[in-house]
Amino acid sequence: MSIRVGLSVPNRGVVIGAGDPRDLVAMCEAADRSELFDAVFTGDNLISKPRIDAIVFLSGHSGSCPMTSSARARTKAASP
């Protein structure tokens, strides 16, 4: 069994003014090109801590990556 590694993209930073969505997409693209990551995750919080929508963000990422991309898009959700 091999170890699988995923990249968690900090999509909350965009909402609080600490980042730009284009930078997050670039981070995802770099993860895909590196072939070090098996998945790209982005979070969502069901009750508090607003973030850019995880599904919309990952859709944008998936649309910008080639069909041969090695990293899979995944979401994670937290509740307080």
PDB file of N, CA and C in Angstrom:
ATOM      1  N   MET A   1       0.846  -1.173   0.000  1.00  0.00           N
ATOM      2  CA  MET A   1       0.000   0.000   0.000  1.00  0.00           C
ATOM      3  C   MET A   1       0.897   1.244   0.000  1.00  0.00           C
ATOM      4  N   SER A   2       0.600   2.167  -0.864  1.00  0.00           N
ATOM      5  CA  SER A   2       1.385   3.395  -0.935  1.00  0.00           C
ATOM      6  C   SER A   2       0.702   4.512  -0.154  1.00  0.00           C
ATOM      7  N   ILE A   3       1.489   5.470   0.261  1.00  0.00           N
ATOM      8  CA  ILE A   3       0.953   6.626   0.965  1.00  0.00           C
ATOM      9  C   ILE A   3       0.374   7.591  -0.061  1.00  0.00           C
ATOM     10  N   ARG A   4      -0.819   8.083   0.218  1.00  0.00           N
ATOM     11  CA  ARG A   4      -1.474   9.042  -0.679  1.00  0.00           C
ATOM     12  C   ARG A   4      -1.512  10.395   0.019  1.00  0.00           C
ATOM     13  N   VAL A   5      -1.210  11.438  -0.716  1.00  0.00           N
ATOM     14  CA  VAL A   5      -1.105  12.774  -0.142  1.00  0.00           C
ATOM     15  C   VAL A   5      -2.037  13.730  -0.880  1.00  0.00           C
ATOM     16  N   GLY A   6      -2.749  14.561  -0.125  1.00  0.00           N
ATOM     17  CA  GLY A   6      -3.618  15.560  -0.717  1.00  0.00           C
ATOM     18  C   GLY A   6      -3.215  16.964  -0.286  1.00  0.00           C
ATOM     19  N   LEU A   7      -3.491  17.926  -1.124  1.00  0.00           N
ATOM     20  CA  LEU A   7      -3.230  19.333  -0.829  1.00  0.00           C
ATOM     21  C   LEU A   7      -4.532  19.990  -0.394  1.00  0.00           C
ATOM     22  N   SER A   8      -4.522  20.635   0.763  1.00  0.00           N
ATOM     23  CA  SER A   8      -5.686  21.366   1.237  1.00  0.00           C
ATOM     24  C   SER A   8      -5.502  22.837   0.881  1.00  0.00           C
ATOM     25  N   VAL A   9      -6.366  23.350   0.025  1.00  0.00           N
ATOM     26  CA  VAL A   9      -6.264  24.725  -0.464  1.00  0.00           C
ATOM     27  C   VAL A   9      -7.050  25.643   0.478  1.00  0.00           C
ATOM     28  N   PRO A  10      -6.423  26.712   0.989  1.00  0.00           N
ATOM     29  CA  PRO A  10      -7.052  27.586   1.981  1.00  0.00           C
ATOM     30  C   PRO A  10      -8.027  28.598   1.375  1.00  0.00           C
ATOM     31  N   ASN A  11      -9.226  28.147   1.001  1.00  0.00           N
ATOM     32  CA  ASN A  11     -10.184  29.028   0.335  1.00  0.00           C
ATOM     33  C   ASN A  11     -10.820  30.061   1.254  1.00  0.00           C
ATOM     34  N   ARG A  12     -10.684  29.935   2.541  1.00  0.00           N
ATOM     35  CA  ARG A  12     -11.221  30.944   3.468  1.00  0.00           C
ATOM     36  C   ARG A  12     -10.438  32.251   3.376  1.00  0.00           C
ATOM     37  N   GLY A  13      -9.162  32.175   3.071  1.00  0.00           N
ATOM     38  CA  GLY A  13      -8.330  33.368   2.991  1.00  0.00           C
ATOM     39  C   GLY A  13      -8.856  34.407   2.022  1.00  0.00           C
ATOM     40  N   VAL A  14      -9.486  33.971   0.956  1.00  0.00           N
ATOM     41  CA  VAL A  14     -10.029  34.901  -0.035  1.00  0.00           C
ATOM     42  C   VAL A  14     -11.113  35.773   0.589  1.00  0.00           C
ATOM     43  N   VAL A  15     -11.952  35.186   1.416  1.00  0.00           N
ATOM     44  CA  VAL A  15     -13.070  35.907   2.022  1.00  0.00           C
ATOM     45  C   VAL A  15     -12.585  36.959   3.026  1.00  0.00           C
ATOM     46  N   ILE A  16     -11.493  36.676   3.731  1.00  0.00           N
ATOM     47  CA  ILE A  16     -11.000  37.624   4.739  1.00  0.00           C
ATOM     48  C   ILE A  16      -9.920  38.553   4.174  1.00  0.00           C
ATOM     49  N   GLY A  17      -9.732  38.523   2.853  1.00  0.00           N
ATOM     50  CA  GLY A  17      -8.808  39.449   2.206  1.00  0.00           C
ATOM     51  C   GLY A  17      -7.353  39.031   2.238  1.00  0.00           C
ATOM     52  N   ALA A  18      -7.086  37.765   2.515  1.00  0.00           N
ATOM     53  CA  ALA A  18      -5.701  37.296   2.621  1.00  0.00           C
ATOM     54  C   ALA A  18      -5.264  36.484   1.405  1.00  0.00           C
ATOM     55  N   GLY A  19      -5.977  36.588   0.307  1.00  0.00           N
ATOM     56  CA  GLY A  19      -5.611  35.811  -0.872  1.00  0.00           C
ATOM     57  C   GLY A  19      -6.452  36.190  -2.073  1.00  0.00           C
ATOM     58  N   ASP A  20      -6.122  35.577  -3.177  1.00  0.00           N
ATOM     59  CA  ASP A  20      -6.799  35.837  -4.436  1.00  0.00           C
ATOM     60  C   ASP A  20      -7.181  34.486  -5.046  1.00  0.00           C
ATOM     61  N   PRO A  21      -8.400  34.344  -5.561  1.00  0.00           N
ATOM     62  CA  PRO A  21      -8.804  33.061  -6.151  1.00  0.00           C
ATOM     63  C   PRO A  21      -7.851  32.577  -7.248  1.00  0.00           C
ATOM     64  N   ARG A  22      -7.279  33.495  -8.017  1.00  0.00           N
ATOM     65  CA  ARG A  22      -6.337  33.086  -9.073  1.00  0.00           C
ATOM     66  C   ARG A  22      -5.100  32.406  -8.484  1.00  0.00           C
ATOM     67  N   ASP A  23      -4.674  32.885  -7.316  1.00  0.00           N
ATOM     68  CA  ASP A  23      -3.528  32.260  -6.656  1.00  0.00           C
ATOM     69  C   ASP A  23      -3.860  30.839  -6.206  1.00  0.00           C
ATOM     70  N   LEU A  24      -5.091  30.643  -5.743  1.00  0.00           N
ATOM     71  CA  LEU A  24      -5.506  29.303  -5.309  1.00  0.00           C
ATOM     72  C   LEU A  24      -5.573  28.343  -6.494  1.00  0.00           C
ATOM     73  N   VAL A  25      -6.092  28.820  -7.622  1.00  0.00           N
ATOM     74  CA  VAL A  25      -6.142  27.986  -8.829  1.00  0.00           C
ATOM     75  C   VAL A  25      -4.718  27.656  -9.280  1.00  0.00           C
ATOM     76  N   ALA A  26      -3.822  28.633  -9.221  1.00  0.00           N
ATOM     77  CA  ALA A  26      -2.423  28.392  -9.589  1.00  0.00           C
ATOM     78  C   ALA A  26      -1.791  27.357  -8.663  1.00  0.00           C
ATOM     79  N   MET A  27      -2.151  27.399  -7.375  1.00  0.00           N
ATOM     80  CA  MET A  27      -1.638  26.418  -6.423  1.00  0.00           C
ATOM     81  C   MET A  27      -2.115  25.009  -6.794  1.00  0.00           C
ATOM     82  N   CYS A  28      -3.394  24.901  -7.176  1.00  0.00           N
ATOM     83  CA  CYS A  28      -3.947  23.606  -7.592  1.00  0.00           C
ATOM     84  C   CYS A  28      -3.257  23.097  -8.859  1.00  0.00           C
ATOM     85  N   GLU A  29      -3.040  23.991  -9.816  1.00  0.00           N
ATOM     86  CA  GLU A  29      -2.382  23.600 -11.063  1.00  0.00           C
ATOM     87  C   GLU A  29      -0.952  23.128 -10.794  1.00  0.00           C
ATOM     88  N   ALA A  30      -0.245  23.814  -9.891  1.00  0.00           N
ATOM     89  CA  ALA A  30       1.121  23.401  -9.538  1.00  0.00           C
ATOM     90  C   ALA A  30       1.108  22.029  -8.867  1.00  0.00           C
ATOM     91  N   ALA A  31       0.100  21.774  -8.031  1.00  0.00           N
ATOM     92  CA  ALA A  31      -0.020  20.462  -7.380  1.00  0.00           C
ATOM     93  C   ALA A  31      -0.246  19.366  -8.416  1.00  0.00           C
ATOM     94  N   ASP A  32      -1.078  19.654  -9.419  1.00  0.00           N
ATOM     95  CA  ASP A  32      -1.320  18.683 -10.485  1.00  0.00           C
ATOM     96  C   ASP A  32      -0.046  18.394 -11.273  1.00  0.00           C
ATOM     97  N   ARG A  33       0.657  19.440 -11.629  1.00  0.00           N
ATOM     98  CA  ARG A  33       1.879  19.265 -12.424  1.00  0.00           C
ATOM     99  C   ARG A  33       2.965  18.525 -11.662  1.00  0.00           C
ATOM    100  N   SER A  34       3.011  18.707 -10.357  1.00  0.00           N
ATOM    101  CA  SER A  34       4.086  18.109  -9.563  1.00  0.00           C
ATOM    102  C   SER A  34       3.962  16.592  -9.460  1.00  0.00           C
ATOM    103  N   GLU A  35       2.772  16.065  -9.600  1.00  0.00           N
ATOM    104  CA  GLU A  35       2.482  14.639  -9.459  1.00  0.00           C
ATOM    105  C   GLU A  35       2.807  14.111  -8.060  1.00  0.00           C
ATOM    106  N   LEU A  36       2.955  15.022  -7.091  1.00  0.00           N
ATOM    107  CA  LEU A  36       3.192  14.616  -5.706  1.00  0.00           C
ATOM    108  C   LEU A  36       1.891  14.411  -4.946  1.00  0.00           C
ATOM    109  N   PHE A  37       0.812  15.010  -5.455  1.00  0.00           N
ATOM    110  CA  PHE A  37      -0.464  14.982  -4.746  1.00  0.00           C
ATOM    111  C   PHE A  37      -1.468  14.106  -5.477  1.00  0.00           C
ATOM    112  N   ASP A  38      -2.215  13.327  -4.699  1.00  0.00           N
ATOM    113  CA  ASP A  38      -3.258  12.470  -5.251  1.00  0.00           C
ATOM    114  C   ASP A  38      -4.602  13.183  -5.306  1.00  0.00           C
ATOM    115  N   ALA A  39      -4.740  14.251  -4.513  1.00  0.00           N
ATOM    116  CA  ALA A  39      -6.015  14.964  -4.440  1.00  0.00           C
ATOM    117  C   ALA A  39      -5.776  16.421  -4.072  1.00  0.00           C
ATOM    118  N   VAL A  40      -6.727  17.249  -4.458  1.00  0.00           N
ATOM    119  CA  VAL A  40      -6.758  18.652  -4.047  1.00  0.00           C
ATOM    120  C   VAL A  40      -8.066  18.834  -3.289  1.00  0.00           C
ATOM    121  N   PHE A  41      -7.965  19.270  -2.028  1.00  0.00           N
ATOM    122  CA  PHE A  41      -9.133  19.473  -1.189  1.00  0.00           C
ATOM    123  C   PHE A  41      -9.370  20.957  -0.986  1.00  0.00           C
ATOM    124  N   THR A  42     -10.609  21.316  -0.819  1.00  0.00           N
ATOM    125  CA  THR A  42     -10.935  22.661  -0.366  1.00  0.00           C
ATOM    126  C   THR A  42     -12.080  22.535   0.623  1.00  0.00           C
ATOM    127  N   GLY A  43     -12.054  23.371   1.623  1.00  0.00           N
ATOM    128  CA  GLY A  43     -12.992  23.213   2.724  1.00  0.00           C
ATOM    129  C   GLY A  43     -14.294  23.959   2.559  1.00  0.00           C
ATOM    130  N   ASP A  44     -15.219  23.579   3.387  1.00  0.00           N
ATOM    131  CA  ASP A  44     -16.495  24.249   3.499  1.00  0.00           C
ATOM    132  C   ASP A  44     -16.904  24.120   4.954  1.00  0.00           C
ATOM    133  N   ASN A  45     -17.596  25.087   5.465  1.00  0.00           N
ATOM    134  CA  ASN A  45     -18.070  25.030   6.832  1.00  0.00           C
ATOM    135  C   ASN A  45     -19.570  25.245   6.783  1.00  0.00           C
ATOM    136  N   LEU A  46     -20.302  24.335   7.331  1.00  0.00           N
ATOM    137  CA  LEU A  46     -21.747  24.342   7.179  1.00  0.00           C
ATOM    138  C   LEU A  46     -22.461  25.427   7.978  1.00  0.00           C
ATOM    139  N   ILE A  47     -21.842  25.943   9.029  1.00  0.00           N
ATOM    140  CA  ILE A  47     -22.521  26.887   9.906  1.00  0.00           C
ATOM    141  C   ILE A  47     -21.815  28.241   9.988  1.00  0.00           C
ATOM    142  N   SER A  48     -20.513  28.243  10.155  1.00  0.00           N
ATOM    143  CA  SER A  48     -19.790  29.492  10.388  1.00  0.00           C
ATOM    144  C   SER A  48     -18.564  29.585   9.482  1.00  0.00           C
ATOM    145  N   LYS A  49     -17.752  30.593   9.691  1.00  0.00           N
ATOM    146  CA  LYS A  49     -16.519  30.811   8.942  1.00  0.00           C
ATOM    147  C   LYS A  49     -16.750  30.766   7.430  1.00  0.00           C
ATOM    148  N   PRO A  50     -17.287  31.830   6.861  1.00  0.00           N
ATOM    149  CA  PRO A  50     -17.588  31.830   5.421  1.00  0.00           C
ATOM    150  C   PRO A  50     -16.348  31.610   4.560  1.00  0.00           C
ATOM    151  N   ARG A  51     -16.545  30.967   3.441  1.00  0.00           N
ATOM    152  CA  ARG A  51     -15.493  30.667   2.476  1.00  0.00           C
ATOM    153  C   ARG A  51     -16.082  30.785   1.078  1.00  0.00           C
ATOM    154  N   ILE A  52     -15.224  30.834   0.065  1.00  0.00           N
ATOM    155  CA  ILE A  52     -15.772  30.736  -1.281  1.00  0.00           C
ATOM    156  C   ILE A  52     -16.301  29.317  -1.442  1.00  0.00           C
ATOM    157  N   ASP A  53     -17.364  29.164  -2.174  1.00  0.00           N
ATOM    158  CA  ASP A  53     -18.032  27.873  -2.301  1.00  0.00           C
ATOM    159  C   ASP A  53     -17.073  26.809  -2.818  1.00  0.00           C
ATOM    160  N   ALA A  54     -16.980  25.711  -2.100  1.00  0.00           N
ATOM    161  CA  ALA A  54     -16.031  24.646  -2.429  1.00  0.00           C
ATOM    162  C   ALA A  54     -16.301  24.021  -3.798  1.00  0.00           C
ATOM    163  N   ILE A  55     -17.558  23.737  -4.103  1.00  0.00           N
ATOM    164  CA  ILE A  55     -17.893  23.088  -5.375  1.00  0.00           C
ATOM    165  C   ILE A  55     -17.610  24.019  -6.551  1.00  0.00           C
ATOM    166  N   VAL A  56     -17.981  25.284  -6.406  1.00  0.00           N
ATOM    167  CA  VAL A  56     -17.727  26.249  -7.478  1.00  0.00           C
ATOM    168  C   VAL A  56     -16.219  26.409  -7.695  1.00  0.00           C
ATOM    169  N   PHE A  57     -15.469  26.538  -6.598  1.00  0.00           N
ATOM    170  CA  PHE A  57     -14.018  26.694  -6.713  1.00  0.00           C
ATOM    171  C   PHE A  57     -13.387  25.471  -7.388  1.00  0.00           C
ATOM    172  N   LEU A  58     -13.748  24.274  -6.929  1.00  0.00           N
ATOM    173  CA  LEU A  58     -13.157  23.060  -7.511  1.00  0.00           C
ATOM    174  C   LEU A  58     -13.581  22.877  -8.968  1.00  0.00           C
ATOM    175  N   SER A  59     -14.774  23.337  -9.314  1.00  0.00           N
ATOM    176  CA  SER A  59     -15.205  23.278 -10.714  1.00  0.00           C
ATOM    177  C   SER A  59     -14.318  24.164 -11.579  1.00  0.00           C
ATOM    178  N   GLY A  60     -14.011  25.344 -11.074  1.00  0.00           N
ATOM    179  CA  GLY A  60     -13.113  26.240 -11.800  1.00  0.00           C
ATOM    180  C   GLY A  60     -11.728  25.644 -11.944  1.00  0.00           C
ATOM    181  N   HIS A  61     -11.261  25.017 -10.889  1.00  0.00           N
ATOM    182  CA  HIS A  61      -9.954  24.349 -10.937  1.00  0.00           C
ATOM    183  C   HIS A  61      -9.969  23.210 -11.944  1.00  0.00           C
ATOM    184  N   SER A  62     -10.998  22.389 -11.884  1.00  0.00           N
ATOM    185  CA  SER A  62     -11.087  21.242 -12.798  1.00  0.00           C
ATOM    186  C   SER A  62     -11.184  21.693 -14.250  1.00  0.00           C
ATOM    187  N   GLY A  63     -11.873  22.801 -14.491  1.00  0.00           N
ATOM    188  CA  GLY A  63     -12.005  23.310 -15.844  1.00  0.00           C
ATOM    189  C   GLY A  63     -10.704  23.857 -16.407  1.00  0.00           C
ATOM    190  N   SER A  64      -9.798  24.265 -15.526  1.00  0.00           N
ATOM    191  CA  SER A  64      -8.537  24.841 -15.988  1.00  0.00           C
ATOM    192  C   SER A  64      -7.422  23.812 -16.117  1.00  0.00           C
ATOM    193  N   CYS A  65      -7.658  22.594 -15.637  1.00  0.00           N
ATOM    194  CA  CYS A  65      -6.627  21.558 -15.678  1.00  0.00           C
ATOM    195  C   CYS A  65      -6.869  20.604 -16.849  1.00  0.00           C
ATOM    196  N   PRO A  66      -5.815  20.054 -17.386  1.00  0.00           N
ATOM    197  CA  PRO A  66      -5.985  19.117 -18.501  1.00  0.00           C
ATOM    198  C   PRO A  66      -6.674  17.832 -18.058  1.00  0.00           C
ATOM    199  N   MET A  67      -7.254  17.130 -19.003  1.00  0.00           N
ATOM    200  CA  MET A  67      -7.944  15.876 -18.694  1.00  0.00           C
ATOM    201  C   MET A  67      -6.996  14.811 -18.159  1.00  0.00           C
ATOM    202  N   THR A  68      -5.698  14.992 -18.339  1.00  0.00           N
ATOM    203  CA  THR A  68      -4.732  14.019 -17.847  1.00  0.00           C
ATOM    204  C   THR A  68      -4.292  14.328 -16.427  1.00  0.00           C
ATOM    205  N   SER A  69      -4.959  15.246 -15.777  1.00  0.00           N
ATOM    206  CA  SER A  69      -4.608  15.648 -14.413  1.00  0.00           C
ATOM    207  C   SER A  69      -4.535  14.433 -13.497  1.00  0.00           C
ATOM    208  N   SER A  70      -3.505  14.418 -12.648  1.00  0.00           N
ATOM    209  CA  SER A  70      -3.330  13.284 -11.745  1.00  0.00           C
ATOM    210  C   SER A  70      -4.022  13.479 -10.401  1.00  0.00           C
ATOM    211  N   ALA A  71      -4.302  14.718 -10.022  1.00  0.00           N
ATOM    212  CA  ALA A  71      -4.931  14.984  -8.727  1.00  0.00           C
ATOM    213  C   ALA A  71      -6.444  15.032  -8.870  1.00  0.00           C
ATOM    214  N   ARG A  72      -7.137  14.417  -7.923  1.00  0.00           N
ATOM    215  CA  ARG A  72      -8.598  14.435  -7.922  1.00  0.00           C
ATOM    216  C   ARG A  72      -9.104  15.574  -7.047  1.00  0.00           C
ATOM    217  N   ALA A  73     -10.198  16.168  -7.423  1.00  0.00           N
ATOM    218  CA  ALA A  73     -10.795  17.250  -6.643  1.00  0.00           C
ATOM    219  C   ALA A  73     -11.696  16.659  -5.567  1.00  0.00           C
ATOM    220  N   ARG A  74     -11.549  17.144  -4.334  1.00  0.00           N
ATOM    221  CA  ARG A  74     -12.327  16.641  -3.209  1.00  0.00           C
ATOM    222  C   ARG A  74     -12.759  17.815  -2.337  1.00  0.00           C
ATOM    223  N   THR A  75     -13.835  17.622  -1.591  1.00  0.00           N
ATOM    224  CA  THR A  75     -14.269  18.626  -0.627  1.00  0.00           C
ATOM    225  C   THR A  75     -14.171  18.044   0.767  1.00  0.00           C
ATOM    226  N   LYS A  76     -14.104  18.932   1.728  1.00  0.00           N
ATOM    227  CA  LYS A  76     -14.180  18.536   3.132  1.00  0.00           C
ATOM    228  C   LYS A  76     -15.088  19.537   3.814  1.00  0.00           C
ATOM    229  N   ALA A  77     -15.878  19.095   4.756  1.00  0.00           N
ATOM    230  CA  ALA A  77     -16.798  19.988   5.448  1.00  0.00           C
ATOM    231  C   ALA A  77     -16.616  19.834   6.952  1.00  0.00           C
ATOM    232  N   ALA A  78     -16.814  20.934   7.644  1.00  0.00           N
ATOM    233  CA  ALA A  78     -16.707  20.915   9.098  1.00  0.00           C
ATOM    234  C   ALA A  78     -17.923  21.598   9.685  1.00  0.00           C
ATOM    235  N   SER A  79     -18.322  21.153  10.829  1.00  0.00           N
ATOM    236  CA  SER A  79     -19.379  21.846  11.553  1.00  0.00           C
ATOM    237  C   SER A  79     -18.839  22.112  12.949  1.00  0.00           C
ATOM    238  N   PRO A  80     -19.256  23.215  13.551  1.00  0.00           N
ATOM    239  CA  PRO A  80     -18.689  23.572  14.868  1.00  0.00           C
ATOM    240  C   PRO A  80     -19.048  22.581  15.941  1.00  0.00           C
TER     241      PRO A  80
END
